[in-house]
Amino acid sequence: MASAAPSPAAATANKAELLAIADAVAREKLIDKGIVIEAMEDAIQRAARARYGAENDIRAKLDPNTGDFALVACARVVRRG
């Protein structure tokens, strides 16, 4: 049985959770929240590369204000001829 897609409210809660985790870790370790966000982005990038192939240039970006998250696969296009 397939699970239902998350509701928009659930997606918003996940964004808020990511930011809350980043805040909590930054406060607990006495480091800048930006460093924590960068570490989270790096961890997610590594997981995506493990899942989709290390040869892929996959980049992660977490907006520290909204919690919006993007995973982007970058490709180089070369014109032949």
PDB file of N, CA and C in Angstrom:
ATOM      1  N   MET A   1       0.843  -1.174   0.000  1.00  0.00           N
ATOM      2  CA  MET A   1       0.000   0.000   0.000  1.00  0.00           C
ATOM      3  C   MET A   1       0.890   1.240   0.000  1.00  0.00           C
ATOM      4  N   ALA A   2       0.645   2.167  -0.901  1.00  0.00           N
ATOM      5  CA  ALA A   2       1.442   3.390  -1.002  1.00  0.00           C
ATOM      6  C   ALA A   2       0.991   4.390   0.053  1.00  0.00           C
ATOM      7  N   SER A   3       1.943   5.149   0.538  1.00  0.00           N
ATOM      8  CA  SER A   3       1.586   6.174   1.521  1.00  0.00           C
ATOM      9  C   SER A   3       1.126   7.430   0.798  1.00  0.00           C
ATOM     10  N   ALA A   4       0.310   8.189   1.462  1.00  0.00           N
ATOM     11  CA  ALA A   4      -0.206   9.430   0.888  1.00  0.00           C
ATOM     12  C   ALA A   4       0.882  10.488   0.867  1.00  0.00           C
ATOM     13  N   ALA A   5       0.794  11.392  -0.082  1.00  0.00           N
ATOM     14  CA  ALA A   5       1.750  12.496  -0.160  1.00  0.00           C
ATOM     15  C   ALA A   5       1.561  13.396   1.059  1.00  0.00           C
ATOM     16  N   PRO A   6       2.646  13.986   1.546  1.00  0.00           N
ATOM     17  CA  PRO A   6       2.516  14.863   2.706  1.00  0.00           C
ATOM     18  C   PRO A   6       1.684  16.095   2.374  1.00  0.00           C
ATOM     19  N   SER A   7       0.932  16.538   3.334  1.00  0.00           N
ATOM     20  CA  SER A   7       0.121  17.732   3.139  1.00  0.00           C
ATOM     21  C   SER A   7       1.009  18.966   3.167  1.00  0.00           C
ATOM     22  N   PRO A   8       0.559  20.094   2.607  1.00  0.00           N
ATOM     23  CA  PRO A   8       1.370  21.319   2.669  1.00  0.00           C
ATOM     24  C   PRO A   8       1.721  21.706   4.106  1.00  0.00           C
ATOM     25  N   ALA A   9       0.825  21.451   5.038  1.00  0.00           N
ATOM     26  CA  ALA A   9       1.108  21.773   6.440  1.00  0.00           C
ATOM     27  C   ALA A   9       2.266  20.935   6.960  1.00  0.00           C
ATOM     28  N   ALA A  10       2.321  19.662   6.542  1.00  0.00           N
ATOM     29  CA  ALA A  10       3.411  18.794   6.972  1.00  0.00           C
ATOM     30  C   ALA A  10       4.734  19.278   6.389  1.00  0.00           C
ATOM     31  N   ALA A  11       4.727  19.712   5.145  1.00  0.00           N
ATOM     32  CA  ALA A  11       5.944  20.230   4.521  1.00  0.00           C
ATOM     33  C   ALA A  11       6.424  21.477   5.251  1.00  0.00           C
ATOM     34  N   THR A  12       5.521  22.339   5.654  1.00  0.00           N
ATOM     35  CA  THR A  12       5.880  23.541   6.397  1.00  0.00           C
ATOM     36  C   THR A  12       6.468  23.168   7.751  1.00  0.00           C
ATOM     37  N   ALA A  13       5.893  22.177   8.389  1.00  0.00           N
ATOM     38  CA  ALA A  13       6.409  21.734   9.683  1.00  0.00           C
ATOM     39  C   ALA A  13       7.827  21.206   9.524  1.00  0.00           C
ATOM     40  N   ASN A  14       8.114  20.493   8.430  1.00  0.00           N
ATOM     41  CA  ASN A  14       9.450  19.977   8.205  1.00  0.00           C
ATOM     42  C   ASN A  14      10.456  21.110   8.007  1.00  0.00           C
ATOM     43  N   LYS A  15      10.041  22.158   7.302  1.00  0.00           N
ATOM     44  CA  LYS A  15      10.909  23.322   7.128  1.00  0.00           C
ATOM     45  C   LYS A  15      11.217  23.945   8.483  1.00  0.00           C
ATOM     46  N   ALA A  16      10.184  24.117   9.273  1.00  0.00           N
ATOM     47  CA  ALA A  16      10.357  24.705  10.598  1.00  0.00           C
ATOM     48  C   ALA A  16      11.250  23.818  11.463  1.00  0.00           C
ATOM     49  N   GLU A  17      11.095  22.501  11.320  1.00  0.00           N
ATOM     50  CA  GLU A  17      11.918  21.565  12.087  1.00  0.00           C
ATOM     51  C   GLU A  17      13.385  21.687  11.721  1.00  0.00           C
ATOM     52  N   LEU A  18      13.683  21.782  10.423  1.00  0.00           N
ATOM     53  CA  LEU A  18      15.072  21.925   9.987  1.00  0.00           C
ATOM     54  C   LEU A  18      15.702  23.174  10.599  1.00  0.00           C
ATOM     55  N   LEU A  19      14.979  24.268  10.549  1.00  0.00           N
ATOM     56  CA  LEU A  19      15.500  25.517  11.107  1.00  0.00           C
ATOM     57  C   LEU A  19      15.639  25.435  12.625  1.00  0.00           C
ATOM     58  N   ALA A  20      14.688  24.780  13.277  1.00  0.00           N
ATOM     59  CA  ALA A  20      14.756  24.625  14.734  1.00  0.00           C
ATOM     60  C   ALA A  20      15.956  23.769  15.135  1.00  0.00           C
ATOM     61  N   ILE A  21      16.221  22.727  14.360  1.00  0.00           N
ATOM     62  CA  ILE A  21      17.385  21.874  14.637  1.00  0.00           C
ATOM     63  C   ILE A  21      18.669  22.675  14.464  1.00  0.00           C
ATOM     64  N   ALA A  22      18.756  23.444  13.374  1.00  0.00           N
ATOM     65  CA  ALA A  22      19.945  24.263  13.127  1.00  0.00           C
ATOM     66  C   ALA A  22      20.150  25.264  14.274  1.00  0.00           C
ATOM     67  N   ASP A  23      19.066  25.906  14.719  1.00  0.00           N
ATOM     68  CA  ASP A  23      19.148  26.847  15.841  1.00  0.00           C
ATOM     69  C   ASP A  23      19.632  26.155  17.113  1.00  0.00           C
ATOM     70  N   ALA A  24      19.045  25.003  17.404  1.00  0.00           N
ATOM     71  CA  ALA A  24      19.381  24.285  18.632  1.00  0.00           C
ATOM     72  C   ALA A  24      20.837  23.841  18.644  1.00  0.00           C
ATOM     73  N   VAL A  25      21.305  23.301  17.525  1.00  0.00           N
ATOM     74  CA  VAL A  25      22.697  22.854  17.456  1.00  0.00           C
ATOM     75  C   VAL A  25      23.644  24.046  17.587  1.00  0.00           C
ATOM     76  N   ALA A  26      23.324  25.143  16.905  1.00  0.00           N
ATOM     77  CA  ALA A  26      24.166  26.346  16.976  1.00  0.00           C
ATOM     78  C   ALA A  26      24.260  26.861  18.409  1.00  0.00           C
ATOM     79  N   ARG A  27      23.127  26.909  19.105  1.00  0.00           N
ATOM     80  CA  ARG A  27      23.134  27.378  20.497  1.00  0.00           C
ATOM     81  C   ARG A  27      23.903  26.419  21.400  1.00  0.00           C
ATOM     82  N   GLU A  28      23.655  25.119  21.230  1.00  0.00           N
ATOM     83  CA  GLU A  28      24.287  24.125  22.097  1.00  0.00           C
ATOM     84  C   GLU A  28      25.807  24.098  21.920  1.00  0.00           C
ATOM     85  N   LYS A  29      26.259  24.227  20.678  1.00  0.00           N
ATOM     86  CA  LYS A  29      27.699  24.145  20.392  1.00  0.00           C
ATOM     87  C   LYS A  29      28.380  25.516  20.354  1.00  0.00           C
ATOM     88  N   LEU A  30      27.581  26.576  20.540  1.00  0.00           N
ATOM     89  CA  LEU A  30      28.096  27.943  20.537  1.00  0.00           C
ATOM     90  C   LEU A  30      28.812  28.279  19.222  1.00  0.00           C
ATOM     91  N   ILE A  31      28.174  27.919  18.116  1.00  0.00           N
ATOM     92  CA  ILE A  31      28.716  28.236  16.797  1.00  0.00           C
ATOM     93  C   ILE A  31      27.655  28.967  15.979  1.00  0.00           C
ATOM     94  N   ASP A  32      28.090  29.597  14.908  1.00  0.00           N
ATOM     95  CA  ASP A  32      27.196  30.350  14.050  1.00  0.00           C
ATOM     96  C   ASP A  32      26.191  29.426  13.359  1.00  0.00           C
ATOM     97  N   LYS A  33      24.947  29.856  13.284  1.00  0.00           N
ATOM     98  CA  LYS A  33      23.902  29.065  12.637  1.00  0.00           C
ATOM     99  C   LYS A  33      24.254  28.791  11.174  1.00  0.00           C
ATOM    100  N   GLY A  34      24.919  29.737  10.512  1.00  0.00           N
ATOM    101  CA  GLY A  34      25.309  29.547   9.119  1.00  0.00           C
ATOM    102  C   GLY A  34      26.220  28.349   8.922  1.00  0.00           C
ATOM    103  N   ILE A  35      27.098  28.104   9.889  1.00  0.00           N
ATOM    104  CA  ILE A  35      27.995  26.946   9.823  1.00  0.00           C
ATOM    105  C   ILE A  35      27.187  25.658   9.930  1.00  0.00           C
ATOM    106  N   VAL A  36      26.196  25.662  10.793  1.00  0.00           N
ATOM    107  CA  VAL A  36      25.338  24.483  10.961  1.00  0.00           C
ATOM    108  C   VAL A  36      24.545  24.237   9.676  1.00  0.00           C
ATOM    109  N   ILE A  37      24.007  25.300   9.083  1.00  0.00           N
ATOM    110  CA  ILE A  37      23.249  25.171   7.831  1.00  0.00           C
ATOM    111  C   ILE A  37      24.153  24.589   6.742  1.00  0.00           C
ATOM    112  N   GLU A  38      25.380  25.091   6.630  1.00  0.00           N
ATOM    113  CA  GLU A  38      26.326  24.576   5.625  1.00  0.00           C
ATOM    114  C   GLU A  38      26.622  23.096   5.862  1.00  0.00           C
ATOM    115  N   ALA A  39      26.771  22.692   7.113  1.00  0.00           N
ATOM    116  CA  ALA A  39      27.025  21.289   7.432  1.00  0.00           C
ATOM    117  C   ALA A  39      25.828  20.422   7.050  1.00  0.00           C
ATOM    118  N   MET A  40      24.618  20.933   7.270  1.00  0.00           N
ATOM    119  CA  MET A  40      23.414  20.199   6.889  1.00  0.00           C
ATOM    120  C   MET A  40      23.350  20.047   5.367  1.00  0.00           C
ATOM    121  N   GLU A  41      23.646  21.131   4.644  1.00  0.00           N
ATOM    122  CA  GLU A  41      23.650  21.085   3.182  1.00  0.00           C
ATOM    123  C   GLU A  41      24.663  20.054   2.684  1.00  0.00           C
ATOM    124  N   ASP A  42      25.857  20.056   3.285  1.00  0.00           N
ATOM    125  CA  ASP A  42      26.904  19.124   2.884  1.00  0.00           C
ATOM    126  C   ASP A  42      26.479  17.681   3.125  1.00  0.00           C
ATOM    127  N   ALA A  43      25.872  17.418   4.265  1.00  0.00           N
ATOM    128  CA  ALA A  43      25.422  16.061   4.585  1.00  0.00           C
ATOM    129  C   ALA A  43      24.349  15.594   3.601  1.00  0.00           C
ATOM    130  N   ILE A  44      23.436  16.468   3.251  1.00  0.00           N
ATOM    131  CA  ILE A  44      22.374  16.101   2.316  1.00  0.00           C
ATOM    132  C   ILE A  44      22.948  15.894   0.918  1.00  0.00           C
ATOM    133  N   GLN A  45      23.914  16.725   0.517  1.00  0.00           N
ATOM    134  CA  GLN A  45      24.595  16.541  -0.772  1.00  0.00           C
ATOM    135  C   GLN A  45      25.260  15.173  -0.835  1.00  0.00           C
ATOM    136  N   ARG A  46      25.968  14.803   0.218  1.00  0.00           N
ATOM    137  CA  ARG A  46      26.660  13.510   0.252  1.00  0.00           C
ATOM    138  C   ARG A  46      25.662  12.353   0.157  1.00  0.00           C
ATOM    139  N   ALA A  47      24.550  12.476   0.854  1.00  0.00           N
ATOM    140  CA  ALA A  47      23.532  11.428   0.800  1.00  0.00           C
ATOM    141  C   ALA A  47      22.935  11.321  -0.600  1.00  0.00           C
ATOM    142  N   ALA A  48      22.692  12.456  -1.236  1.00  0.00           N
ATOM    143  CA  ALA A  48      22.128  12.448  -2.590  1.00  0.00           C
ATOM    144  C   ALA A  48      23.116  11.843  -3.584  1.00  0.00           C
ATOM    145  N   ARG A  49      24.394  12.173  -3.444  1.00  0.00           N
ATOM    146  CA  ARG A  49      25.405  11.598  -4.346  1.00  0.00           C
ATOM    147  C   ARG A  49      25.523  10.088  -4.136  1.00  0.00           C
ATOM    148  N   ALA A  50      25.403   9.651  -2.889  1.00  0.00           N
ATOM    149  CA  ALA A  50      25.442   8.213  -2.617  1.00  0.00           C
ATOM    150  C   ALA A  50      24.240   7.520  -3.255  1.00  0.00           C
ATOM    151  N   ARG A  51      23.109   8.178  -3.234  1.00  0.00           N
ATOM    152  CA  ARG A  51      21.878   7.595  -3.777  1.00  0.00           C
ATOM    153  C   ARG A  51      21.831   7.650  -5.298  1.00  0.00           C
ATOM    154  N   TYR A  52      22.254   8.775  -5.882  1.00  0.00           N
ATOM    155  CA  TYR A  52      22.102   8.982  -7.318  1.00  0.00           C
ATOM    156  C   TYR A  52      23.400   8.841  -8.100  1.00  0.00           C
ATOM    157  N   GLY A  53      24.505   8.586  -7.444  1.00  0.00           N
ATOM    158  CA  GLY A  53      25.775   8.371  -8.121  1.00  0.00           C
ATOM    159  C   GLY A  53      26.759   9.494  -7.850  1.00  0.00           C
ATOM    160  N   ALA A  54      27.960   9.109  -7.434  1.00  0.00           N
ATOM    161  CA  ALA A  54      28.978  10.093  -7.079  1.00  0.00           C
ATOM    162  C   ALA A  54      29.447  10.898  -8.280  1.00  0.00           C
ATOM    163  N   GLU A  55      29.230  10.371  -9.490  1.00  0.00           N
ATOM    164  CA  GLU A  55      29.649  11.097 -10.696  1.00  0.00           C
ATOM    165  C   GLU A  55      28.747  12.295 -10.995  1.00  0.00           C
ATOM    166  N   ASN A  56      27.595  12.360 -10.344  1.00  0.00           N
ATOM    167  CA  ASN A  56      26.668  13.470 -10.548  1.00  0.00           C
ATOM    168  C   ASN A  56      27.048  14.659  -9.672  1.00  0.00           C
ATOM    169  N   ASP A  57      26.992  15.844 -10.248  1.00  0.00           N
ATOM    170  CA  ASP A  57      27.270  17.078  -9.499  1.00  0.00           C
ATOM    171  C   ASP A  57      25.951  17.542  -8.889  1.00  0.00           C
ATOM    172  N   ILE A  58      25.701  17.094  -7.679  1.00  0.00           N
ATOM    173  CA  ILE A  58      24.450  17.409  -6.989  1.00  0.00           C
ATOM    174  C   ILE A  58      24.753  18.427  -5.898  1.00  0.00           C
ATOM    175  N   ARG A  59      23.959  19.483  -5.881  1.00  0.00           N
ATOM    176  CA  ARG A  59      24.155  20.551  -4.889  1.00  0.00           C
ATOM    177  C   ARG A  59      22.889  20.744  -4.067  1.00  0.00           C
ATOM    178  N   ALA A  60      23.085  21.026  -2.783  1.00  0.00           N
ATOM    179  CA  ALA A  60      21.967  21.241  -1.864  1.00  0.00           C
ATOM    180  C   ALA A  60      22.018  22.672  -1.355  1.00  0.00           C
ATOM    181  N   LYS A  61      20.852  23.268  -1.179  1.00  0.00           N
ATOM    182  CA  LYS A  61      20.769  24.634  -0.645  1.00  0.00           C
ATOM    183  C   LYS A  61      19.579  24.715   0.296  1.00  0.00           C
ATOM    184  N   LEU A  62      19.833  25.183   1.506  1.00  0.00           N
ATOM    185  CA  LEU A  62      18.793  25.376   2.508  1.00  0.00           C
ATOM    186  C   LEU A  62      18.712  26.859   2.824  1.00  0.00           C
ATOM    187  N   ASP A  63      17.557  27.452   2.595  1.00  0.00           N
ATOM    188  CA  ASP A  63      17.368  28.878   2.888  1.00  0.00           C
ATOM    189  C   ASP A  63      17.249  29.047   4.398  1.00  0.00           C
ATOM    190  N   PRO A  64      18.174  29.795   5.022  1.00  0.00           N
ATOM    191  CA  PRO A  64      18.162  29.918   6.476  1.00  0.00           C
ATOM    192  C   PRO A  64      17.007  30.747   7.027  1.00  0.00           C
ATOM    193  N   ASN A  65      16.299  31.456   6.168  1.00  0.00           N
ATOM    194  CA  ASN A  65      15.167  32.272   6.627  1.00  0.00           C
ATOM    195  C   ASN A  65      13.833  31.552   6.494  1.00  0.00           C
ATOM    196  N   THR A  66      13.651  30.831   5.399  1.00  0.00           N
ATOM    197  CA  THR A  66      12.352  30.197   5.141  1.00  0.00           C
ATOM    198  C   THR A  66      12.346  28.699   5.379  1.00  0.00           C
ATOM    199  N   GLY A  67      13.528  28.077   5.343  1.00  0.00           N
ATOM    200  CA  GLY A  67      13.597  26.623   5.453  1.00  0.00           C
ATOM    201  C   GLY A  67      13.376  25.932   4.124  1.00  0.00           C
ATOM    202  N   ASP A  68      13.187  26.710   3.050  1.00  0.00           N
ATOM    203  CA  ASP A  68      13.035  26.103   1.727  1.00  0.00           C
ATOM    204  C   ASP A  68      14.320  25.375   1.373  1.00  0.00           C
ATOM    205  N   PHE A  69      14.162  24.221   0.762  1.00  0.00           N
ATOM    206  CA  PHE A  69      15.295  23.372   0.467  1.00  0.00           C
ATOM    207  C   PHE A  69      15.289  23.006  -1.002  1.00  0.00           C
ATOM    208  N   ALA A  70      16.459  23.020  -1.634  1.00  0.00           N
ATOM    209  CA  ALA A  70      16.570  22.651  -3.049  1.00  0.00           C
ATOM    210  C   ALA A  70      17.734  21.696  -3.238  1.00  0.00           C
ATOM    211  N   LEU A  71      17.494  20.670  -4.029  1.00  0.00           N
ATOM    212  CA  LEU A  71      18.537  19.764  -4.485  1.00  0.00           C
ATOM    213  C   LEU A  71      18.608  19.932  -5.990  1.00  0.00           C
ATOM    214  N   VAL A  72      19.789  20.239  -6.508  1.00  0.00           N
ATOM    215  CA  VAL A  72      19.944  20.520  -7.932  1.00  0.00           C
ATOM    216  C   VAL A  72      21.031  19.643  -8.507  1.00  0.00           C
ATOM    217  N   ALA A  73      20.725  18.994  -9.627  1.00  0.00           N
ATOM    218  CA  ALA A  73      21.735  18.234 -10.356  1.00  0.00           C
ATOM    219  C   ALA A  73      22.262  19.131 -11.467  1.00  0.00           C
ATOM    220  N   CYS A  74      23.538  19.427 -11.444  1.00  0.00           N
ATOM    221  CA  CYS A  74      24.158  20.312 -12.433  1.00  0.00           C
ATOM    222  C   CYS A  74      24.805  19.471 -13.524  1.00  0.00           C
ATOM    223  N   ALA A  75      24.640  19.913 -14.749  1.00  0.00           N
ATOM    224  CA  ALA A  75      25.229  19.218 -15.894  1.00  0.00           C
ATOM    225  C   ALA A  75      25.914  20.214 -16.795  1.00  0.00           C
ATOM    226  N   ARG A  76      27.002  19.787 -17.391  1.00  0.00           N
ATOM    227  CA  ARG A  76      27.725  20.631 -18.346  1.00  0.00           C
ATOM    228  C   ARG A  76      27.277  20.238 -19.746  1.00  0.00           C
ATOM    229  N   VAL A  77      26.870  21.217 -20.514  1.00  0.00           N
ATOM    230  CA  VAL A  77      26.438  20.972 -21.885  1.00  0.00           C
ATOM    231  C   VAL A  77      27.572  21.423 -22.799  1.00  0.00           C
ATOM    232  N   VAL A  78      28.005  20.508 -23.664  1.00  0.00           N
ATOM    233  CA  VAL A  78      29.098  20.799 -24.579  1.00  0.00           C
ATOM    234  C   VAL A  78      28.599  20.680 -25.999  1.00  0.00           C
ATOM    235  N   ARG A  79      28.827  21.728 -26.765  1.00  0.00           N
ATOM    236  CA  ARG A  79      28.413  21.709 -28.169  1.00  0.00           C
ATOM    237  C   ARG A  79      29.515  21.044 -28.983  1.00  0.00           C
ATOM    238  N   ARG A  80      29.108  20.107 -29.791  1.00  0.00           N
ATOM    239  CA  ARG A  80      30.065  19.400 -30.667  1.00  0.00           C
ATOM    240  C   ARG A  80      30.017  20.029 -32.049  1.00  0.00           C
ATOM    241  N   GLY A  81      31.164  19.992 -32.660  1.00  0.00           N
ATOM    242  CA  GLY A  81      31.148  20.449 -34.059  1.00  0.00           C
ATOM    243  C   GLY A  81      32.102  21.492 -34.415  1.00  0.00           C
TER     244      GLY A  81
END
